[in-house]
Amino acid sequence: MTFIQWHQRVTDQWLARLHMTPYQAMWFAWIKGIVFGAAACWWLMR
């Protein structure tokens, strides 16, 4: 089993547990990236 296959399996399990579609997961990851990116910028600029 390669890393990519393992990661896909784990991702699918979490999507099933959270009752999310891949589209919802994409939006969640995008918003999470904006939040953490803004927090990192704030932390580096202070």
C-alpha atoms as a PDB file:
ATOM      1  CA  MET A   1       0.000   0.000   0.000  1.00  0.00           C
ATOM      2  CA  THR A   2       1.468   3.325  -1.016  1.00  0.00           C
ATOM      3  CA  PHE A   3       1.141   6.513   0.960  1.00  0.00           C
ATOM      4  CA  ILE A   4      -1.391   7.891  -1.534  1.00  0.00           C
ATOM      5  CA  GLN A   5      -3.610   4.818  -1.242  1.00  0.00           C
ATOM      6  CA  TRP A   6      -3.410   4.956   2.553  1.00  0.00           C
ATOM      7  CA  HIS A   7      -4.211   8.682   2.585  1.00  0.00           C
ATOM      8  CA  GLN A   8      -7.196   8.185   0.259  1.00  0.00           C
ATOM      9  CA  ARG A   9      -8.543   5.386   2.483  1.00  0.00           C
ATOM     10  CA  VAL A  10      -8.197   7.473   5.657  1.00  0.00           C
ATOM     11  CA  THR A  11      -9.748  10.511   3.964  1.00  0.00           C
ATOM     12  CA  ASP A  12     -12.714   8.468   2.779  1.00  0.00           C
ATOM     13  CA  GLN A  13     -13.200   7.081   6.297  1.00  0.00           C
ATOM     14  CA  TRP A  14     -13.251  10.577   7.797  1.00  0.00           C
ATOM     15  CA  LEU A  15     -15.648  11.862   5.136  1.00  0.00           C
ATOM     16  CA  ALA A  16     -17.983   8.981   5.968  1.00  0.00           C
ATOM     17  CA  ARG A  17     -17.713   9.628   9.719  1.00  0.00           C
ATOM     18  CA  LEU A  18     -18.447  13.322   9.295  1.00  0.00           C
ATOM     19  CA  HIS A  19     -21.155  12.749   6.652  1.00  0.00           C
ATOM     20  CA  MET A  20     -19.388  15.116   4.251  1.00  0.00           C
ATOM     21  CA  THR A  21     -19.204  15.064   0.489  1.00  0.00           C
ATOM     22  CA  PRO A  22     -15.858  15.644  -1.233  1.00  0.00           C
ATOM     23  CA  TYR A  23     -17.182  19.059  -2.297  1.00  0.00           C
ATOM     24  CA  GLN A  24     -17.898  20.023   1.325  1.00  0.00           C
ATOM     25  CA  ALA A  25     -14.462  18.755   2.376  1.00  0.00           C
ATOM     26  CA  MET A  26     -12.847  20.906  -0.313  1.00  0.00           C
ATOM     27  CA  TRP A  27     -14.591  24.037   1.002  1.00  0.00           C
ATOM     28  CA  PHE A  28     -13.707  23.114   4.589  1.00  0.00           C
ATOM     29  CA  ALA A  29     -10.024  22.729   3.664  1.00  0.00           C
ATOM     30  CA  TRP A  30     -10.042  26.013   1.715  1.00  0.00           C
ATOM     31  CA  ILE A  31     -11.565  27.986   4.600  1.00  0.00           C
ATOM     32  CA  LYS A  32      -9.255  26.271   7.107  1.00  0.00           C
ATOM     33  CA  GLY A  33      -6.289  27.295   4.942  1.00  0.00           C
ATOM     34  CA  ILE A  34      -7.413  30.922   4.918  1.00  0.00           C
ATOM     35  CA  VAL A  35      -7.884  30.955   8.704  1.00  0.00           C
ATOM     36  CA  PHE A  36      -4.546  29.316   9.483  1.00  0.00           C
ATOM     37  CA  GLY A  37      -2.775  31.407   6.841  1.00  0.00           C
ATOM     38  CA  ALA A  38      -4.157  34.621   8.336  1.00  0.00           C
ATOM     39  CA  ALA A  39      -3.187  33.464  11.832  1.00  0.00           C
ATOM     40  CA  ALA A  40       0.358  32.656  10.655  1.00  0.00           C
ATOM     41  CA  CYS A  41       0.670  36.057   8.955  1.00  0.00           C
ATOM     42  CA  TRP A  42      -0.575  37.804  12.078  1.00  0.00           C
ATOM     43  CA  TRP A  43       1.830  35.823  14.258  1.00  0.00           C
ATOM     44  CA  LEU A  44       4.816  36.543  11.976  1.00  0.00           C
ATOM     45  CA  MET A  45       4.013  40.256  11.637  1.00  0.00           C
ATOM     46  CA  ARG A  46       3.523  41.079  15.305  1.00  0.00           C
END
